[in-house]
Amino acid sequence: MRRLTELGIPFSFQFLSYNETRHASDGYKNVVNAQLRKGYRDDQSDKADILIGYVNSLGQNRWFYLPLLTTFNGLKIQP
């Protein structure tokens, strides 16, 4: 993802949503034409290493938890 973002190449992925505050999921989310963006630093969040920031195809800043990533460019992620 980082390399594709560096090259300006958009990618797609799917992840299982999770809201830690509500302890609930809205199911699987499909993202197309995404690019990574800067995330939190270690001193800003204890989840800085697993909370990934991205920009979706509408230009909206979003987040997902890396352990909940299920596919990348159509390839299934193995746990």
N, C-alpha and C. Protein backbone atom coordinates (compact mmCIF):
# COMPACT_ATOMS: atom_id res chain seq x y z
N MET A 1 0.81 -1.18 0.00
CA MET A 1 0.00 0.00 0.00
C MET A 1 0.86 1.26 0.00
N ARG A 2 1.89 1.23 0.83
CA ARG A 2 2.78 2.40 0.89
C ARG A 2 3.46 2.65 -0.44
N ARG A 3 3.96 1.58 -1.04
CA ARG A 3 4.67 1.72 -2.32
C ARG A 3 3.74 2.23 -3.41
N LEU A 4 2.54 1.69 -3.49
CA LEU A 4 1.58 2.16 -4.49
C LEU A 4 1.22 3.63 -4.26
N THR A 5 1.06 4.02 -3.00
CA THR A 5 0.77 5.42 -2.69
C THR A 5 1.93 6.31 -3.12
N GLU A 6 3.16 5.87 -2.85
CA GLU A 6 4.34 6.64 -3.27
C GLU A 6 4.37 6.84 -4.78
N LEU A 7 3.92 5.82 -5.52
CA LEU A 7 3.90 5.89 -6.98
C LEU A 7 2.65 6.57 -7.53
N GLY A 8 1.72 6.93 -6.65
CA GLY A 8 0.49 7.58 -7.07
C GLY A 8 -0.52 6.64 -7.69
N ILE A 9 -0.38 5.35 -7.41
CA ILE A 9 -1.27 4.33 -7.98
C ILE A 9 -2.34 3.98 -6.94
N PRO A 10 -3.61 4.23 -7.25
CA PRO A 10 -4.67 3.87 -6.30
C PRO A 10 -4.85 2.36 -6.20
N PHE A 11 -5.39 1.90 -5.10
CA PHE A 11 -5.60 0.48 -4.86
C PHE A 11 -6.95 0.27 -4.20
N SER A 12 -7.36 -0.98 -4.12
CA SER A 12 -8.63 -1.31 -3.46
C SER A 12 -8.36 -2.30 -2.33
N PHE A 13 -9.26 -2.29 -1.36
CA PHE A 13 -9.14 -3.24 -0.27
C PHE A 13 -10.50 -3.40 0.42
N GLN A 14 -10.59 -4.43 1.23
CA GLN A 14 -11.80 -4.70 2.01
C GLN A 14 -11.38 -4.97 3.45
N PHE A 15 -12.18 -4.50 4.38
CA PHE A 15 -11.91 -4.75 5.79
C PHE A 15 -13.22 -4.91 6.54
N LEU A 16 -13.14 -5.50 7.70
CA LEU A 16 -14.28 -5.62 8.58
C LEU A 16 -14.30 -4.38 9.47
N SER A 17 -15.40 -3.66 9.45
CA SER A 17 -15.49 -2.43 10.25
C SER A 17 -15.61 -2.78 11.74
N TYR A 18 -15.18 -1.85 12.57
CA TYR A 18 -15.34 -2.03 14.02
C TYR A 18 -15.29 -0.67 14.69
N ASN A 19 -16.27 -0.39 15.51
CA ASN A 19 -16.32 0.82 16.30
C ASN A 19 -16.04 0.43 17.73
N GLU A 20 -14.87 0.80 18.20
CA GLU A 20 -14.46 0.40 19.55
C GLU A 20 -15.31 1.04 20.64
N THR A 21 -15.81 2.24 20.40
CA THR A 21 -16.65 2.92 21.38
C THR A 21 -17.98 2.19 21.58
N ARG A 22 -18.60 1.79 20.46
CA ARG A 22 -19.89 1.09 20.52
C ARG A 22 -19.74 -0.42 20.63
N HIS A 23 -18.52 -0.92 20.44
CA HIS A 23 -18.26 -2.37 20.40
C HIS A 23 -19.17 -3.03 19.37
N ALA A 24 -19.20 -2.43 18.17
CA ALA A 24 -20.10 -2.92 17.12
C ALA A 24 -19.42 -2.82 15.75
N SER A 25 -19.92 -3.61 14.82
CA SER A 25 -19.43 -3.61 13.45
C SER A 25 -20.58 -3.32 12.50
N ASP A 26 -20.27 -2.65 11.41
CA ASP A 26 -21.24 -2.43 10.33
C ASP A 26 -20.97 -3.38 9.18
N GLY A 27 -20.22 -4.44 9.45
CA GLY A 27 -19.93 -5.43 8.42
C GLY A 27 -18.69 -5.09 7.62
N TYR A 28 -18.60 -5.70 6.45
CA TYR A 28 -17.45 -5.50 5.58
C TYR A 28 -17.57 -4.20 4.81
N LYS A 29 -16.46 -3.51 4.65
CA LYS A 29 -16.39 -2.27 3.88
C LYS A 29 -15.46 -2.49 2.69
N ASN A 30 -15.92 -2.12 1.51
CA ASN A 30 -15.11 -2.19 0.30
C ASN A 30 -14.66 -0.79 -0.07
N VAL A 31 -13.38 -0.62 -0.30
CA VAL A 31 -12.82 0.68 -0.64
C VAL A 31 -12.11 0.55 -1.99
N VAL A 32 -12.45 1.44 -2.91
CA VAL A 32 -11.80 1.44 -4.22
C VAL A 32 -11.09 2.77 -4.42
N ASN A 33 -10.06 2.75 -5.24
CA ASN A 33 -9.29 3.96 -5.57
C ASN A 33 -8.78 4.69 -4.33
N ALA A 34 -8.20 3.95 -3.41
CA ALA A 34 -7.71 4.52 -2.15
C ALA A 34 -6.22 4.87 -2.26
N GLN A 35 -5.81 5.74 -1.38
CA GLN A 35 -4.40 6.10 -1.19
C GLN A 35 -4.19 6.26 0.30
N LEU A 36 -3.03 5.88 0.80
CA LEU A 36 -2.73 6.06 2.21
C LEU A 36 -2.49 7.53 2.52
N ARG A 37 -2.66 7.88 3.76
CA ARG A 37 -2.34 9.23 4.23
C ARG A 37 -1.60 9.09 5.55
N LYS A 38 -1.08 10.19 6.05
CA LYS A 38 -0.36 10.14 7.31
C LYS A 38 -1.29 9.70 8.42
N GLY A 39 -0.76 8.86 9.29
CA GLY A 39 -1.52 8.37 10.43
C GLY A 39 -1.05 9.03 11.70
N TYR A 40 -1.41 8.42 12.81
CA TYR A 40 -1.00 8.92 14.11
C TYR A 40 0.45 8.52 14.40
N ARG A 41 1.13 9.37 15.14
CA ARG A 41 2.45 9.03 15.66
C ARG A 41 2.26 8.19 16.92
N ASP A 42 3.31 7.50 17.33
CA ASP A 42 3.25 6.67 18.53
C ASP A 42 2.86 7.47 19.78
N ASP A 43 3.27 8.74 19.82
CA ASP A 43 2.94 9.56 21.00
C ASP A 43 1.52 10.13 20.94
N GLN A 44 0.81 9.91 19.83
CA GLN A 44 -0.56 10.41 19.70
C GLN A 44 -1.61 9.34 19.99
N SER A 45 -1.25 8.08 19.79
CA SER A 45 -2.23 7.00 19.99
C SER A 45 -1.51 5.70 20.30
N ASP A 46 -2.11 4.92 21.19
CA ASP A 46 -1.54 3.60 21.47
C ASP A 46 -1.85 2.61 20.35
N LYS A 47 -2.67 3.02 19.40
CA LYS A 47 -3.01 2.18 18.24
C LYS A 47 -2.35 2.67 16.95
N ALA A 48 -1.33 3.51 17.08
CA ALA A 48 -0.69 4.11 15.92
C ALA A 48 -0.17 3.08 14.92
N ASP A 49 0.25 1.93 15.40
CA ASP A 49 0.81 0.92 14.51
C ASP A 49 -0.25 0.07 13.81
N ILE A 50 -1.51 0.12 14.26
CA ILE A 50 -2.55 -0.70 13.63
C ILE A 50 -3.71 0.11 13.06
N LEU A 51 -3.78 1.40 13.37
CA LEU A 51 -4.83 2.26 12.85
C LEU A 51 -4.30 2.96 11.61
N ILE A 52 -4.82 2.58 10.45
CA ILE A 52 -4.28 3.03 9.17
C ILE A 52 -5.18 4.11 8.57
N GLY A 53 -4.57 5.23 8.22
CA GLY A 53 -5.30 6.33 7.59
C GLY A 53 -5.25 6.21 6.08
N TYR A 54 -6.38 6.49 5.45
CA TYR A 54 -6.44 6.47 3.99
C TYR A 54 -7.42 7.52 3.49
N VAL A 55 -7.31 7.83 2.21
CA VAL A 55 -8.24 8.73 1.53
C VAL A 55 -9.01 7.88 0.54
N ASN A 56 -10.35 7.94 0.60
CA ASN A 56 -11.16 7.13 -0.32
C ASN A 56 -11.37 7.85 -1.65
N SER A 57 -12.13 7.24 -2.55
CA SER A 57 -12.32 7.79 -3.89
C SER A 57 -13.08 9.12 -3.88
N LEU A 58 -13.76 9.44 -2.78
CA LEU A 58 -14.48 10.71 -2.67
C LEU A 58 -13.63 11.80 -2.03
N GLY A 59 -12.38 11.46 -1.70
CA GLY A 59 -11.47 12.41 -1.07
C GLY A 59 -11.67 12.55 0.43
N GLN A 60 -12.41 11.61 1.03
CA GLN A 60 -12.67 11.65 2.46
C GLN A 60 -11.57 10.93 3.23
N ASN A 61 -11.16 11.52 4.34
CA ASN A 61 -10.18 10.88 5.22
C ASN A 61 -10.88 9.84 6.07
N ARG A 62 -10.35 8.62 6.06
CA ARG A 62 -10.93 7.50 6.79
C ARG A 62 -9.84 6.72 7.50
N TRP A 63 -10.27 5.78 8.36
CA TRP A 63 -9.37 4.91 9.12
C TRP A 63 -9.85 3.48 9.06
N PHE A 64 -8.93 2.53 9.20
CA PHE A 64 -9.30 1.13 9.41
C PHE A 64 -8.24 0.47 10.27
N TYR A 65 -8.65 -0.61 10.94
CA TYR A 65 -7.72 -1.37 11.76
C TYR A 65 -7.02 -2.41 10.89
N LEU A 66 -5.72 -2.36 10.83
CA LEU A 66 -4.94 -3.28 10.00
C LEU A 66 -5.25 -4.75 10.26
N PRO A 67 -5.44 -5.20 11.51
CA PRO A 67 -5.75 -6.61 11.74
C PRO A 67 -7.09 -7.05 11.13
N LEU A 68 -7.95 -6.10 10.76
CA LEU A 68 -9.26 -6.43 10.19
C LEU A 68 -9.27 -6.35 8.66
N LEU A 69 -8.10 -6.16 8.05
CA LEU A 69 -7.97 -6.16 6.60
C LEU A 69 -8.21 -7.57 6.07
N THR A 70 -9.10 -7.70 5.07
CA THR A 70 -9.43 -9.03 4.54
C THR A 70 -8.95 -9.24 3.11
N THR A 71 -8.95 -8.20 2.27
CA THR A 71 -8.45 -8.33 0.91
C THR A 71 -7.68 -7.07 0.51
N PHE A 72 -6.75 -7.26 -0.41
CA PHE A 72 -5.98 -6.13 -0.98
C PHE A 72 -5.89 -6.38 -2.47
N ASN A 73 -6.41 -5.44 -3.27
CA ASN A 73 -6.44 -5.56 -4.72
C ASN A 73 -6.97 -6.93 -5.17
N GLY A 74 -8.01 -7.38 -4.50
CA GLY A 74 -8.66 -8.64 -4.86
C GLY A 74 -8.01 -9.90 -4.31
N LEU A 75 -6.89 -9.76 -3.62
CA LEU A 75 -6.18 -10.91 -3.03
C LEU A 75 -6.55 -11.05 -1.58
N LYS A 76 -6.92 -12.25 -1.18
CA LYS A 76 -7.31 -12.51 0.19
C LYS A 76 -6.10 -12.46 1.11
N ILE A 77 -6.26 -11.80 2.24
CA ILE A 77 -5.20 -11.70 3.24
C ILE A 77 -5.33 -12.90 4.18
N GLN A 78 -4.25 -13.60 4.37
CA GLN A 78 -4.25 -14.76 5.27
C GLN A 78 -3.84 -14.29 6.67
N PRO A 79 -4.59 -14.71 7.71
CA PRO A 79 -4.23 -14.31 9.08
C PRO A 79 -2.96 -14.98 9.55
